[in-house]
Amino acid sequence: MTTAANLDIIGVAKSYGTFTALDNVSLAIQPGEFLTLLGPSGSGKTTLLMSLAGFVRPTRGHIVSRGKDLAQVPPHKRNFGMVFQSYSLFPHMNVAENVAYPLKLRKVSKSEITERVTRALELVQLAHLADRPIAKLSGGQKQRIALARAVVFSPDVLLMDEPLSALDKNLREAMQFEIRNLHDKLGITTVYVTHDQREALTMSDRIAVLKSGRIAQIGAPREIYDYPTDSFVAEFLGESTLLPVESRGSQYHFAGTPLRVEAGSPDARFLMVRPESSISGIPPSATATTVSMARSNARSSRATRCRSRWCWTAARPC
């Protein structure tokens, strides 16, 4: 098992002419943590990952691991493992040769290469395919080989750029658990990029949600799902309906009715409703009201506060 490394991102920015891809991003990743960079296309998540890998040089800022600033260190000297979206396996090499490649570059002895390759292939349950050509592998097998190659040299940090996007739904879900189990076995600090919210919620210790080159929110999956800091995070992470509320001093009003709720912040302007928080039925103390929602796909709906949560029912809050 490798000794887990920390990774500190301090004020990292990246500009391409007048376009700002990353805007003063700061983030502390703990040793052994599985952190996911989540966001829509163009949010800066892949640019940040490539900056960590050394393939993109930041315009300014610092990337520190084990007390060393890596911002100007080339990729091959960072001791980071990388799994690409396209796998990037060598077609002229068989499975074992692909996995052995980073060890040969490091001039590891032949006997140790054989031992490490066998161990890495056993971790991904493909030791029986060591001699198979890459062209004869399935998509899921290729992904496992790419993962084995990325961890065979005991990297300080493992970086993964949307590695499951090319797989079908069932295989993608199975691989999510395999990757997480492998992480737990090896304890490698892992930074994972995806635009898939379910993937991020399933696999991560923490999630950093990016928007327009900045971190909109960072926290544990349950924390940012239940307590989003703004409407962007609320709507991007899972299904939700946002209802406008009116602020009157220390109270909030919805459809003219005062709400006995704790706002996420003093500036809160929306009430978030998650579908899984819904309960059917009418509380005995509630009175009925209809609230029209200004959404193209919504009919007139009703809401009530039940068991400290807002839910869709045929009633209003009492």
Foldseek 3Di string as FASTA:
>chain_A
DFWAKKKWWAQFWADDVPATQAGGETDIFDGLFEEEEAEDPSLNQVVVLCQQQQVDQTPDTFIDMPRDTCNPPHNLPQLEFEAEQVLPFDQVAFLLCRLLVVVVVVVHDPVVSVVLSCVLCVLLPNSVRNRPGPVPDDLLVSLSSSVSSRPSVPGNEYEYENNLPPDDDVSSVVVLVSVLVSSVVSSYHYYYYDNDLVSNLVRGQKYFYGGSNYGQDMDGSVCCQVQPPDPVSPPSRAHKDKAFWDDDPQWIHGPNHTDPADDSDPPDGIAIDHAVPADEDDDPPFAFDWDQDPDPPDGTFEWEQDPRHIHTYRTYYD
